[in-house]
């Protein structure tokens, strides 16, 4: 029984971790999308304004992280297409 409990704990921990990662990725993707909205409407790059220009290392890191979040969130497309079939 102890082995089953340990396995369940590992599975439960993985689910919590993945849900947290999903939420963080979605939040960062939304922040990136809002930044692009500002760029498109007002020619104002909020990330660049906060972190010292679009060419600063921190701004570039934020852009890369948001891009990686976008790639990660591609996995949600399957869930959306599954819901449409139901």
N, C-alpha and C. Protein backbone atom coordinates (compact mmCIF):
# COMPACT_ATOMS: atom_id res chain seq x y z
N UNK A 1 0.82 -1.19 0.00
CA UNK A 1 0.00 0.00 0.00
C UNK A 1 0.86 1.26 0.00
N UNK A 2 1.98 1.22 0.69
CA UNK A 2 2.87 2.38 0.74
C UNK A 2 3.39 2.77 -0.63
N UNK A 3 3.65 1.76 -1.45
CA UNK A 3 4.16 2.01 -2.80
C UNK A 3 3.11 2.71 -3.65
N UNK A 4 1.85 2.28 -3.54
CA UNK A 4 0.75 2.91 -4.28
C UNK A 4 0.56 4.36 -3.85
N UNK A 5 0.68 4.62 -2.56
CA UNK A 5 0.53 5.98 -2.04
C UNK A 5 1.64 6.87 -2.57
N UNK A 6 2.86 6.35 -2.60
CA UNK A 6 4.00 7.11 -3.11
C UNK A 6 3.78 7.45 -4.59
N UNK A 7 3.30 6.46 -5.37
CA UNK A 7 3.04 6.68 -6.78
C UNK A 7 1.95 7.74 -6.97
N UNK A 8 0.89 7.64 -6.17
CA UNK A 8 -0.20 8.62 -6.25
C UNK A 8 0.30 10.01 -5.89
N UNK A 9 1.16 10.10 -4.91
CA UNK A 9 1.72 11.40 -4.54
C UNK A 9 2.54 11.98 -5.68
N UNK A 10 3.32 11.13 -6.35
CA UNK A 10 4.12 11.62 -7.48
C UNK A 10 3.22 12.09 -8.62
N UNK A 11 2.18 11.33 -8.90
CA UNK A 11 1.24 11.72 -9.97
C UNK A 11 0.53 13.01 -9.58
N UNK A 12 0.06 13.10 -8.34
CA UNK A 12 -0.61 14.32 -7.88
C UNK A 12 0.29 15.53 -7.96
N UNK A 13 1.55 15.38 -7.55
CA UNK A 13 2.52 16.47 -7.62
C UNK A 13 2.75 16.90 -9.06
N UNK A 14 2.83 15.94 -9.97
CA UNK A 14 3.06 16.25 -11.39
C UNK A 14 1.87 17.03 -11.96
N UNK A 15 0.66 16.64 -11.58
CA UNK A 15 -0.53 17.35 -12.06
C UNK A 15 -0.54 18.78 -11.57
N UNK A 16 -0.23 18.98 -10.29
CA UNK A 16 -0.17 20.34 -9.74
C UNK A 16 0.90 21.15 -10.45
N UNK A 17 2.06 20.55 -10.67
CA UNK A 17 3.16 21.25 -11.36
C UNK A 17 2.75 21.63 -12.78
N UNK A 18 2.14 20.71 -13.51
CA UNK A 18 1.76 21.00 -14.89
C UNK A 18 0.67 22.07 -14.95
N UNK A 19 -0.30 22.03 -14.01
CA UNK A 19 -1.33 23.06 -14.00
C UNK A 19 -0.71 24.42 -13.72
N UNK A 20 0.24 24.46 -12.80
CA UNK A 20 0.93 25.72 -12.49
C UNK A 20 1.70 26.21 -13.70
N UNK A 21 2.42 25.31 -14.37
CA UNK A 21 3.16 25.68 -15.57
C UNK A 21 2.22 26.18 -16.66
N UNK A 22 1.08 25.52 -16.81
CA UNK A 22 0.09 25.96 -17.81
C UNK A 22 -0.39 27.37 -17.52
N UNK A 23 -0.70 27.66 -16.26
CA UNK A 23 -1.21 28.98 -15.88
C UNK A 23 -0.13 30.04 -16.10
N UNK A 24 1.09 29.76 -15.69
CA UNK A 24 2.19 30.73 -15.86
C UNK A 24 2.41 31.00 -17.35
N UNK A 25 2.43 29.94 -18.15
CA UNK A 25 2.63 30.11 -19.59
C UNK A 25 1.51 30.94 -20.21
N UNK A 26 0.28 30.67 -19.82
CA UNK A 26 -0.85 31.43 -20.37
C UNK A 26 -0.80 32.90 -19.94
N UNK A 27 -0.45 33.15 -18.68
CA UNK A 27 -0.37 34.53 -18.20
C UNK A 27 0.72 35.29 -18.97
N UNK A 28 1.88 34.67 -19.12
CA UNK A 28 2.96 35.34 -19.86
C UNK A 28 2.60 35.54 -21.33
N UNK A 29 1.88 34.59 -21.90
CA UNK A 29 1.43 34.73 -23.28
C UNK A 29 0.43 35.87 -23.42
N UNK A 30 -0.45 36.02 -22.45
CA UNK A 30 -1.41 37.13 -22.45
C UNK A 30 -0.68 38.46 -22.30
N UNK A 31 0.29 38.51 -21.39
CA UNK A 31 1.09 39.74 -21.22
C UNK A 31 1.78 40.10 -22.53
N UNK A 32 2.35 39.10 -23.19
CA UNK A 32 3.00 39.35 -24.48
C UNK A 32 2.02 39.83 -25.54
N UNK A 33 0.82 39.23 -25.53
CA UNK A 33 -0.20 39.66 -26.48
C UNK A 33 -0.65 41.09 -26.23
N UNK A 34 -0.80 41.44 -24.96
CA UNK A 34 -1.17 42.83 -24.63
C UNK A 34 -0.06 43.81 -25.02
N UNK A 35 1.19 43.38 -24.86
CA UNK A 35 2.30 44.22 -25.28
C UNK A 35 2.24 44.47 -26.80
N UNK A 36 1.95 43.40 -27.56
CA UNK A 36 1.83 43.57 -29.01
C UNK A 36 0.63 44.45 -29.37
N UNK A 37 -0.43 44.37 -28.59
CA UNK A 37 -1.58 45.26 -28.80
C UNK A 37 -1.16 46.71 -28.64
N UNK A 38 -0.39 46.98 -27.59
CA UNK A 38 0.11 48.35 -27.38
C UNK A 38 1.02 48.79 -28.51
N UNK A 39 1.86 47.89 -28.98
CA UNK A 39 2.76 48.22 -30.10
C UNK A 39 1.94 48.53 -31.35
N UNK A 40 0.95 47.70 -31.62
CA UNK A 40 0.14 47.88 -32.82
C UNK A 40 -0.73 49.12 -32.80
N UNK A 41 -1.32 49.43 -31.65
CA UNK A 41 -2.22 50.57 -31.57
C UNK A 41 -1.50 51.90 -31.32
N UNK A 42 -0.50 51.87 -30.45
CA UNK A 42 0.10 53.13 -30.00
C UNK A 42 1.60 53.24 -30.24
N UNK A 43 2.19 52.22 -30.90
CA UNK A 43 3.64 52.18 -31.11
C UNK A 43 4.39 52.33 -29.78
N UNK A 44 3.87 51.66 -28.74
CA UNK A 44 4.46 51.73 -27.41
C UNK A 44 4.78 50.32 -26.93
N UNK A 45 6.06 50.04 -26.78
CA UNK A 45 6.51 48.73 -26.32
C UNK A 45 6.72 48.80 -24.81
N UNK A 46 5.77 48.26 -24.06
CA UNK A 46 5.81 48.33 -22.60
C UNK A 46 7.02 47.58 -22.04
N UNK A 47 7.34 46.43 -22.60
CA UNK A 47 8.49 45.66 -22.12
C UNK A 47 9.77 46.47 -22.29
N UNK A 48 9.93 47.07 -23.44
CA UNK A 48 11.11 47.90 -23.68
C UNK A 48 11.14 49.10 -22.74
N UNK A 49 9.98 49.70 -22.49
CA UNK A 49 9.92 50.86 -21.61
C UNK A 49 10.30 50.48 -20.18
N UNK A 50 9.87 49.31 -19.74
CA UNK A 50 10.16 48.88 -18.37
C UNK A 50 11.62 48.48 -18.21
N UNK A 51 12.16 47.78 -19.19
CA UNK A 51 13.48 47.18 -19.03
C UNK A 51 14.59 47.88 -19.80
N UNK A 52 14.38 49.10 -20.25
CA UNK A 52 15.47 49.89 -20.81
C UNK A 52 15.73 49.74 -22.29
N UNK A 53 14.72 49.54 -23.07
CA UNK A 53 14.87 49.47 -24.52
C UNK A 53 14.74 48.05 -25.04
N UNK A 54 14.35 47.96 -26.31
CA UNK A 54 14.12 46.66 -26.92
C UNK A 54 15.40 45.86 -27.08
N UNK A 55 16.54 46.52 -27.11
CA UNK A 55 17.81 45.83 -27.30
C UNK A 55 18.49 45.44 -26.00
N UNK A 56 17.91 45.81 -24.86
CA UNK A 56 18.54 45.45 -23.59
C UNK A 56 18.43 43.94 -23.37
N UNK A 57 19.36 43.42 -22.63
CA UNK A 57 19.38 41.98 -22.39
C UNK A 57 18.14 41.47 -21.69
N UNK A 58 17.64 42.23 -20.73
CA UNK A 58 16.46 41.79 -19.99
C UNK A 58 15.22 41.80 -20.90
N UNK A 59 15.09 42.83 -21.73
CA UNK A 59 13.96 42.87 -22.66
C UNK A 59 14.00 41.69 -23.61
N UNK A 60 15.18 41.41 -24.12
CA UNK A 60 15.31 40.27 -25.04
C UNK A 60 14.97 38.97 -24.34
N UNK A 61 15.37 38.84 -23.07
CA UNK A 61 15.04 37.64 -22.30
C UNK A 61 13.53 37.51 -22.12
N UNK A 62 12.85 38.63 -21.83
CA UNK A 62 11.39 38.61 -21.69
C UNK A 62 10.75 38.19 -23.01
N UNK A 63 11.24 38.73 -24.12
CA UNK A 63 10.68 38.36 -25.43
C UNK A 63 10.87 36.86 -25.70
N UNK A 64 12.03 36.33 -25.35
CA UNK A 64 12.30 34.90 -25.56
C UNK A 64 11.39 34.06 -24.68
N UNK A 65 11.23 34.43 -23.43
CA UNK A 65 10.37 33.67 -22.51
C UNK A 65 8.93 33.68 -23.00
N UNK A 66 8.45 34.83 -23.45
CA UNK A 66 7.07 34.91 -23.97
C UNK A 66 6.94 34.04 -25.22
N UNK A 67 7.94 34.05 -26.07
CA UNK A 67 7.92 33.21 -27.27
C UNK A 67 7.91 31.73 -26.92
N UNK A 68 8.70 31.33 -25.92
CA UNK A 68 8.70 29.94 -25.47
C UNK A 68 7.35 29.55 -24.88
N UNK A 69 6.73 30.49 -24.18
CA UNK A 69 5.38 30.24 -23.65
C UNK A 69 4.39 30.02 -24.79
N UNK A 70 4.54 30.78 -25.86
CA UNK A 70 3.65 30.61 -27.01
C UNK A 70 3.84 29.21 -27.61
N UNK A 71 5.09 28.78 -27.73
CA UNK A 71 5.34 27.44 -28.25
C UNK A 71 4.76 26.38 -27.31
N UNK A 72 4.92 26.56 -26.02
CA UNK A 72 4.38 25.63 -25.04
C UNK A 72 2.86 25.56 -25.13
N UNK A 73 2.21 26.69 -25.35
CA UNK A 73 0.75 26.75 -25.37
C UNK A 73 0.14 26.15 -26.63
N UNK A 74 0.96 25.78 -27.59
CA UNK A 74 0.45 25.09 -28.78
C UNK A 74 -0.25 23.81 -28.38
N UNK A 75 0.19 23.21 -27.27
CA UNK A 75 -0.42 21.95 -26.81
C UNK A 75 -1.91 22.12 -26.49
N UNK A 76 -2.36 23.34 -26.22
CA UNK A 76 -3.76 23.57 -25.89
C UNK A 76 -4.67 23.48 -27.11
N UNK A 77 -4.12 23.53 -28.29
CA UNK A 77 -4.93 23.46 -29.51
C UNK A 77 -5.68 22.13 -29.57
N UNK A 78 -5.02 21.05 -29.17
CA UNK A 78 -5.67 19.74 -29.18
C UNK A 78 -6.87 19.73 -28.25
N UNK A 79 -6.76 20.36 -27.09
CA UNK A 79 -7.87 20.42 -26.15
C UNK A 79 -9.04 21.20 -26.70
N UNK A 80 -8.77 22.26 -27.42
CA UNK A 80 -9.84 23.06 -28.01
C UNK A 80 -10.55 22.28 -29.09
N UNK A 81 -9.79 21.58 -29.94
CA UNK A 81 -10.44 20.82 -31.00
C UNK A 81 -11.21 19.63 -30.43
N UNK A 82 -10.76 19.06 -29.29
CA UNK A 82 -11.51 17.98 -28.65
C UNK A 82 -12.84 18.49 -28.10
N UNK A 83 -12.86 19.68 -27.55
CA UNK A 83 -14.10 20.24 -26.99
C UNK A 83 -15.12 20.52 -28.09
N UNK A 84 -14.65 20.89 -29.28
CA UNK A 84 -15.58 21.19 -30.36
C UNK A 84 -16.31 19.95 -30.84
N UNK A 85 -15.71 18.79 -30.70
CA UNK A 85 -16.33 17.54 -31.13
C UNK A 85 -17.41 17.08 -30.16
N UNK A 86 -17.29 17.49 -28.92
CA UNK A 86 -18.26 17.02 -27.90
C UNK A 86 -19.59 17.71 -28.02
